[in-house]
N, C-alpha and C. Protein backbone atom coordinates (compact mmCIF):
# COMPACT_ATOMS: atom_id res chain seq x y z
N MET A 1 -7.20 -40.82 5.71
CA MET A 1 -6.99 -39.83 6.87
C MET A 1 -7.09 -38.24 6.38
N LEU A 2 -7.80 -37.65 7.22
CA LEU A 2 -8.17 -36.36 7.02
C LEU A 2 -6.97 -35.39 7.08
N ARG A 3 -6.51 -34.61 6.34
CA ARG A 3 -5.52 -33.82 6.27
C ARG A 3 -5.78 -32.50 6.75
N PRO A 4 -4.87 -31.90 7.91
CA PRO A 4 -4.96 -30.55 8.52
C PRO A 4 -5.14 -29.58 7.55
N LEU A 5 -5.79 -28.49 7.84
CA LEU A 5 -5.94 -27.33 7.25
C LEU A 5 -5.14 -26.15 7.29
N LEU A 6 -4.51 -25.80 6.19
CA LEU A 6 -3.62 -24.50 6.23
C LEU A 6 -4.22 -23.58 5.39
N LEU A 7 -4.44 -22.30 6.12
CA LEU A 7 -5.10 -21.18 5.26
C LEU A 7 -3.91 -20.10 4.89
N SER A 8 -3.76 -20.02 3.42
CA SER A 8 -2.76 -19.22 3.14
C SER A 8 -3.49 -17.92 2.70
N VAL A 9 -2.96 -16.74 3.27
CA VAL A 9 -3.69 -15.34 3.05
C VAL A 9 -2.63 -14.45 2.26
N ILE A 10 -3.04 -14.20 1.03
CA ILE A 10 -1.87 -13.51 0.03
C ILE A 10 -2.50 -12.58 -0.26
N GLU A 11 -2.14 -11.11 0.26
CA GLU A 11 -2.92 -9.93 0.00
C GLU A 11 -2.24 -9.50 -0.98
N ILE A 12 -0.97 -9.25 -1.18
CA ILE A 12 -0.02 -8.59 -2.09
C ILE A 12 0.75 -9.45 -2.75
N GLY A 13 1.42 -10.63 -2.09
CA GLY A 13 2.12 -11.53 -2.96
C GLY A 13 3.58 -11.04 -3.36
N GLY A 14 4.01 -11.62 -4.63
CA GLY A 14 5.30 -11.19 -5.06
C GLY A 14 6.18 -12.21 -4.55
N TYR A 15 5.89 -13.45 -4.27
CA TYR A 15 6.74 -14.40 -3.79
C TYR A 15 6.27 -15.49 -4.37
N PRO A 16 7.14 -16.51 -4.35
CA PRO A 16 6.79 -17.83 -5.01
C PRO A 16 5.40 -18.59 -4.37
N ASN A 17 4.61 -19.32 -5.30
CA ASN A 17 3.61 -20.02 -4.75
C ASN A 17 4.00 -21.19 -4.03
N PHE A 18 3.95 -21.13 -2.74
CA PHE A 18 4.11 -22.23 -1.83
C PHE A 18 3.23 -23.19 -1.76
N THR A 19 1.90 -23.00 -2.45
CA THR A 19 0.86 -24.08 -2.14
C THR A 19 1.37 -25.69 -2.39
N PRO A 20 2.30 -25.84 -3.56
CA PRO A 20 2.84 -27.39 -3.66
C PRO A 20 3.71 -27.74 -2.31
N LEU A 21 4.53 -26.99 -1.63
CA LEU A 21 5.23 -26.93 -0.66
C LEU A 21 4.19 -27.32 0.59
N TYR A 22 3.03 -26.49 0.74
CA TYR A 22 2.28 -26.68 1.90
C TYR A 22 1.43 -28.21 1.94
N LYS A 23 1.02 -28.48 0.51
CA LYS A 23 0.44 -29.86 0.29
C LYS A 23 1.58 -30.97 0.36
N GLN A 24 2.97 -30.63 0.06
CA GLN A 24 3.80 -31.76 0.40
C GLN A 24 3.95 -32.02 1.94
N ALA A 25 4.02 -31.01 2.65
CA ALA A 25 4.28 -31.13 3.84
C ALA A 25 3.03 -31.81 4.57
N GLY A 26 1.68 -31.98 4.00
CA GLY A 26 0.58 -32.68 4.35
C GLY A 26 -0.57 -31.97 4.63
N PHE A 27 -0.66 -30.88 4.38
CA PHE A 27 -1.63 -30.00 4.29
C PHE A 27 -2.93 -30.00 3.29
N GLU A 28 -4.04 -29.73 3.69
CA GLU A 28 -5.09 -29.28 2.63
C GLU A 28 -4.93 -28.01 2.75
N VAL A 29 -4.95 -27.15 1.52
CA VAL A 29 -4.75 -25.83 1.37
C VAL A 29 -5.88 -25.01 0.97
N LEU A 30 -6.24 -24.05 1.59
CA LEU A 30 -7.13 -22.95 1.27
C LEU A 30 -6.52 -21.61 1.12
N VAL A 31 -6.84 -20.67 0.11
CA VAL A 31 -6.16 -19.39 -0.14
C VAL A 31 -7.24 -18.36 -0.33
N GLU A 32 -6.78 -17.42 0.78
CA GLU A 32 -7.62 -16.26 0.46
C GLU A 32 -7.04 -15.08 0.01
N THR A 33 -7.21 -14.12 -0.69
CA THR A 33 -6.77 -12.80 -0.95
C THR A 33 -7.17 -11.38 -0.45
N ARG A 34 -8.21 -11.65 0.36
CA ARG A 34 -8.61 -10.44 1.31
C ARG A 34 -8.70 -10.87 2.56
N MET A 35 -8.38 -9.93 3.50
CA MET A 35 -8.50 -10.40 4.90
C MET A 35 -9.54 -10.33 5.40
N ARG A 36 -10.58 -9.69 5.17
CA ARG A 36 -11.93 -9.58 5.72
C ARG A 36 -12.57 -11.51 5.36
N LYS A 37 -12.14 -11.64 4.24
CA LYS A 37 -12.84 -12.97 3.80
C LYS A 37 -11.89 -14.27 4.68
N ALA A 38 -10.40 -13.54 4.87
CA ALA A 38 -9.73 -14.79 5.56
C ALA A 38 -10.41 -14.70 6.95
N MET A 39 -10.55 -13.89 7.37
CA MET A 39 -10.99 -13.84 8.87
C MET A 39 -12.24 -14.68 9.04
N SER A 40 -13.22 -14.61 7.87
CA SER A 40 -14.31 -15.22 7.83
C SER A 40 -14.17 -16.63 7.85
N THR A 41 -13.34 -17.07 7.06
CA THR A 41 -12.69 -18.40 6.91
C THR A 41 -12.22 -19.15 8.19
N ILE A 42 -11.26 -18.39 8.74
CA ILE A 42 -10.68 -18.63 10.18
C ILE A 42 -11.87 -19.13 11.15
N LYS A 43 -12.77 -18.06 11.15
CA LYS A 43 -14.07 -18.45 12.25
C LYS A 43 -14.56 -19.77 12.06
N LYS A 44 -14.89 -20.07 10.36
CA LYS A 44 -15.56 -21.04 10.02
C LYS A 44 -14.75 -22.59 10.12
N ALA A 45 -13.49 -22.45 9.50
CA ALA A 45 -12.96 -23.74 9.24
C ALA A 45 -11.82 -24.03 10.38
N LYS A 46 -11.32 -22.86 11.27
CA LYS A 46 -10.48 -23.25 12.24
C LYS A 46 -9.11 -24.06 11.92
N PRO A 47 -8.60 -23.29 11.06
CA PRO A 47 -7.31 -23.99 10.45
C PRO A 47 -6.09 -24.37 11.32
N ARG A 48 -5.44 -25.46 11.01
CA ARG A 48 -4.39 -25.55 12.15
C ARG A 48 -3.11 -24.61 11.91
N VAL A 49 -3.07 -24.23 10.55
CA VAL A 49 -1.99 -23.41 10.29
C VAL A 49 -2.59 -22.08 9.39
N ILE A 50 -2.00 -20.71 9.65
CA ILE A 50 -2.38 -19.74 8.75
C ILE A 50 -0.74 -19.28 8.48
N VAL A 51 -0.62 -18.90 7.18
CA VAL A 51 0.53 -18.47 6.59
C VAL A 51 -0.12 -17.18 6.07
N ALA A 52 0.43 -16.01 6.53
CA ALA A 52 -0.02 -14.77 6.16
C ALA A 52 1.40 -13.72 5.93
N GLU A 53 1.14 -12.63 5.24
CA GLU A 53 2.04 -11.71 5.13
C GLU A 53 1.98 -10.45 6.31
N PHE A 54 2.90 -9.68 6.50
CA PHE A 54 2.54 -8.57 7.31
C PHE A 54 2.96 -7.31 6.09
N ASN A 55 2.01 -6.67 5.87
CA ASN A 55 2.15 -5.68 5.03
C ASN A 55 1.85 -4.25 5.62
N PHE A 56 2.74 -3.38 6.22
CA PHE A 56 2.61 -2.39 7.03
C PHE A 56 1.71 -1.38 6.12
N GLN A 57 0.89 -0.88 6.84
CA GLN A 57 -0.22 0.17 6.47
C GLN A 57 -0.23 1.34 7.33
N SER A 58 0.70 2.30 6.84
CA SER A 58 0.69 3.69 7.76
C SER A 58 -0.56 4.51 7.78
N ASP A 59 -1.58 4.15 6.94
CA ASP A 59 -2.79 4.82 7.13
C ASP A 59 -3.64 4.31 8.01
N PHE A 60 -3.41 3.22 8.64
CA PHE A 60 -4.19 2.71 9.71
C PHE A 60 -3.88 3.74 11.12
N ARG A 61 -5.00 4.17 11.72
CA ARG A 61 -4.57 4.98 12.84
C ARG A 61 -4.36 4.07 14.00
N ASP A 62 -4.94 3.03 14.17
CA ASP A 62 -4.68 2.28 15.55
C ASP A 62 -4.17 0.81 15.34
N ARG A 63 -3.77 0.66 14.32
CA ARG A 63 -3.24 -0.72 14.05
C ARG A 63 -1.95 -0.31 12.91
N THR A 64 -1.20 -1.54 12.73
CA THR A 64 0.05 -1.57 11.96
C THR A 64 -0.62 -2.12 10.58
N SER A 65 -1.28 -3.18 10.64
CA SER A 65 -1.63 -3.87 9.34
C SER A 65 -2.99 -4.68 9.58
N SER A 66 -3.56 -5.34 8.64
CA SER A 66 -4.79 -6.12 8.80
C SER A 66 -4.31 -7.36 9.39
N LEU A 67 -2.88 -7.87 9.48
CA LEU A 67 -2.72 -9.02 10.20
C LEU A 67 -3.03 -8.81 11.55
N GLU A 68 -2.82 -7.61 12.03
CA GLU A 68 -3.36 -7.42 13.57
C GLU A 68 -4.86 -7.65 13.92
N SER A 69 -5.49 -7.24 12.84
CA SER A 69 -6.89 -7.67 12.86
C SER A 69 -7.08 -9.13 12.94
N MET A 70 -6.38 -9.82 11.94
CA MET A 70 -6.52 -11.17 11.73
C MET A 70 -6.18 -11.89 13.17
N MET A 71 -5.22 -11.43 13.79
CA MET A 71 -4.91 -12.03 15.19
C MET A 71 -5.83 -11.98 16.17
N SER A 72 -6.52 -10.88 16.28
CA SER A 72 -7.46 -10.81 17.06
C SER A 72 -8.60 -12.09 16.99
N VAL A 73 -8.87 -12.38 15.73
CA VAL A 73 -9.71 -13.73 15.63
C VAL A 73 -8.86 -14.90 16.09
N VAL A 74 -7.59 -14.83 15.49
CA VAL A 74 -6.90 -16.23 15.91
C VAL A 74 -6.59 -16.45 17.27
N GLU A 75 -6.58 -15.41 18.05
CA GLU A 75 -5.96 -15.70 19.58
C GLU A 75 -7.20 -16.38 20.27
N ARG A 76 -8.38 -16.50 19.56
CA ARG A 76 -9.46 -17.25 20.12
C ARG A 76 -9.41 -18.82 19.87
N LEU A 77 -8.30 -19.23 19.03
CA LEU A 77 -8.12 -20.55 18.69
C LEU A 77 -6.55 -20.89 19.08
N PRO A 78 -6.77 -21.79 20.10
CA PRO A 78 -5.30 -21.80 20.66
C PRO A 78 -4.45 -23.12 20.20
N ASP A 79 -5.09 -23.72 19.15
CA ASP A 79 -4.49 -24.69 18.31
C ASP A 79 -4.00 -24.28 16.97
N THR A 80 -4.49 -23.29 16.68
CA THR A 80 -3.89 -22.71 15.52
C THR A 80 -2.69 -21.86 15.49
N ARG A 81 -1.55 -22.02 14.45
CA ARG A 81 -0.18 -21.81 14.60
C ARG A 81 -0.36 -20.75 13.53
N VAL A 82 0.63 -19.67 13.26
CA VAL A 82 0.64 -18.55 12.61
C VAL A 82 2.13 -18.36 12.15
N ILE A 83 2.19 -18.40 10.69
CA ILE A 83 3.68 -18.18 10.08
C ILE A 83 3.67 -16.91 9.20
N VAL A 84 4.45 -15.87 9.56
CA VAL A 84 4.21 -14.65 8.94
C VAL A 84 5.55 -14.37 8.10
N PHE A 85 5.28 -13.86 6.86
CA PHE A 85 6.23 -13.54 5.95
C PHE A 85 6.47 -11.98 5.88
N TYR A 86 7.46 -11.21 6.10
CA TYR A 86 7.45 -9.91 5.98
C TYR A 86 8.80 -9.29 5.25
N GLU A 87 8.84 -8.11 5.01
CA GLU A 87 9.78 -7.36 4.42
C GLU A 87 10.61 -6.93 5.51
N LYS A 88 12.17 -7.00 5.22
CA LYS A 88 13.12 -6.43 6.42
C LYS A 88 13.13 -4.99 6.58
N GLU A 89 12.44 -4.19 5.57
CA GLU A 89 12.56 -2.98 5.88
C GLU A 89 11.37 -2.40 6.66
N TYR A 90 10.53 -3.32 6.94
CA TYR A 90 9.32 -2.88 7.90
C TYR A 90 9.52 -3.85 9.28
N ALA A 91 10.62 -4.10 9.36
CA ALA A 91 11.02 -4.91 10.72
C ALA A 91 10.71 -4.29 11.84
N HIS A 92 10.92 -3.05 12.04
CA HIS A 92 10.64 -2.02 13.09
C HIS A 92 8.98 -1.87 13.56
N GLN A 93 8.34 -1.91 12.17
CA GLN A 93 6.95 -1.88 12.60
C GLN A 93 6.48 -2.98 13.02
N PHE A 94 7.00 -4.11 12.64
CA PHE A 94 6.61 -5.71 12.89
C PHE A 94 7.07 -5.80 14.11
N GLU A 95 8.28 -5.55 14.67
CA GLU A 95 8.40 -5.61 16.03
C GLU A 95 7.35 -5.15 17.03
N ARG A 96 6.61 -3.97 16.55
CA ARG A 96 5.21 -3.67 17.45
C ARG A 96 4.41 -4.71 17.71
N LEU A 97 4.09 -5.49 16.53
CA LEU A 97 3.27 -6.55 16.60
C LEU A 97 3.37 -7.61 17.18
N LEU A 98 5.00 -7.99 17.16
CA LEU A 98 5.59 -9.28 18.04
C LEU A 98 5.45 -8.90 19.63
N ALA A 99 5.25 -7.68 19.79
CA ALA A 99 5.25 -7.33 21.38
C ALA A 99 3.84 -7.78 22.00
N VAL A 100 3.09 -7.75 21.10
CA VAL A 100 1.32 -7.96 21.32
C VAL A 100 1.09 -9.57 21.19
N HIS A 101 1.42 -9.96 19.90
CA HIS A 101 1.26 -11.43 19.31
C HIS A 101 2.31 -12.25 19.35
N SER A 102 2.09 -13.60 19.42
CA SER A 102 3.36 -14.49 19.28
C SER A 102 3.08 -15.31 17.92
N PHE A 103 3.75 -15.62 17.31
CA PHE A 103 4.03 -16.37 16.03
C PHE A 103 4.85 -17.58 16.24
N TYR A 104 4.33 -18.60 15.32
CA TYR A 104 4.95 -20.13 15.54
C TYR A 104 6.19 -19.68 14.65
N ARG A 105 6.38 -19.07 13.34
CA ARG A 105 7.68 -18.50 12.75
C ARG A 105 7.35 -17.39 12.09
N THR A 106 8.56 -16.68 11.85
CA THR A 106 8.47 -15.49 11.05
C THR A 106 9.55 -15.68 10.05
N PHE A 107 9.44 -15.29 9.10
CA PHE A 107 10.37 -15.14 7.56
C PHE A 107 10.52 -13.82 7.08
N THR A 108 11.78 -13.34 6.77
CA THR A 108 11.89 -12.33 6.05
C THR A 108 11.96 -12.81 4.67
N PHE A 109 11.54 -11.98 3.40
CA PHE A 109 11.77 -12.17 2.25
C PHE A 109 13.37 -12.06 1.84
N PRO A 110 13.88 -12.83 0.80
CA PRO A 110 13.03 -13.97 0.31
C PRO A 110 12.86 -15.24 1.30
N VAL A 111 11.81 -15.91 1.27
CA VAL A 111 11.40 -16.94 2.47
C VAL A 111 12.25 -18.29 2.15
N PRO A 112 12.92 -18.68 3.19
CA PRO A 112 13.73 -19.93 2.67
C PRO A 112 12.97 -21.21 2.57
N GLU A 113 12.91 -21.62 1.52
CA GLU A 113 11.99 -22.84 1.26
C GLU A 113 12.40 -24.03 2.47
N GLU A 114 13.55 -24.45 2.57
CA GLU A 114 13.85 -25.43 3.33
C GLU A 114 13.26 -25.23 5.08
N GLU A 115 13.48 -23.90 5.28
CA GLU A 115 12.95 -23.62 6.75
C GLU A 115 11.53 -23.70 6.96
N LEU A 116 11.02 -23.10 5.73
CA LEU A 116 9.45 -23.19 5.83
C LEU A 116 8.95 -24.71 5.87
N SER A 117 9.45 -25.37 4.76
CA SER A 117 9.19 -26.81 4.91
C SER A 117 9.37 -27.59 6.14
N ALA A 118 10.43 -27.27 6.88
CA ALA A 118 10.66 -27.98 8.06
C ALA A 118 9.66 -27.62 9.07
N ALA A 119 9.31 -26.34 9.11
CA ALA A 119 8.19 -25.74 10.05
C ALA A 119 7.05 -26.18 9.79
N LEU A 120 6.54 -26.34 8.39
CA LEU A 120 5.14 -26.87 8.03
C LEU A 120 5.15 -28.60 8.50
N THR A 121 6.01 -29.20 8.15
CA THR A 121 6.39 -30.59 8.49
C THR A 121 6.03 -30.92 9.83
N ALA A 122 6.68 -30.17 10.68
CA ALA A 122 6.41 -30.16 12.17
C ALA A 122 5.37 -30.01 12.69
N LEU A 123 4.53 -29.05 12.37
CA LEU A 123 3.31 -28.59 12.30
C LEU A 123 2.09 -29.61 11.97
N ALA A 124 2.39 -30.31 10.80
CA ALA A 124 1.46 -31.30 9.98
C ALA A 124 1.56 -32.72 10.99
N THR A 125 2.49 -32.91 11.70
CA THR A 125 2.50 -34.06 12.46
C THR A 125 2.44 -33.82 13.94
N ALA A 126 2.21 -32.64 14.10
CA ALA A 126 1.96 -32.39 15.78
C ALA A 126 0.50 -32.84 16.13
């Protein structure tokens, strides 16, 4: 049986490698470290799940982060679910993104592995 695809977008990282958790939940895993490459992969592979970071970038004039650019691609894929990790200190900026886009789940750092695992298991069997 073909396993659903999960795209992990790790631009900055600094948290545990969740690839084993993603695989344990039943996903085939692709990892991208550059948002431009991730957006290309999303268009081609149409993953069931994307796990990405919200990295606030104050130097962007018209956006809060590259996650916003990614979501403009994802919104054309109604069956793709997005899980976002973010820093508590950027919650205010992240709220601006939540006003425009919906995410399957969001987690502040440190990411609670049990909750992430439960969310992924639900998506893998959906």
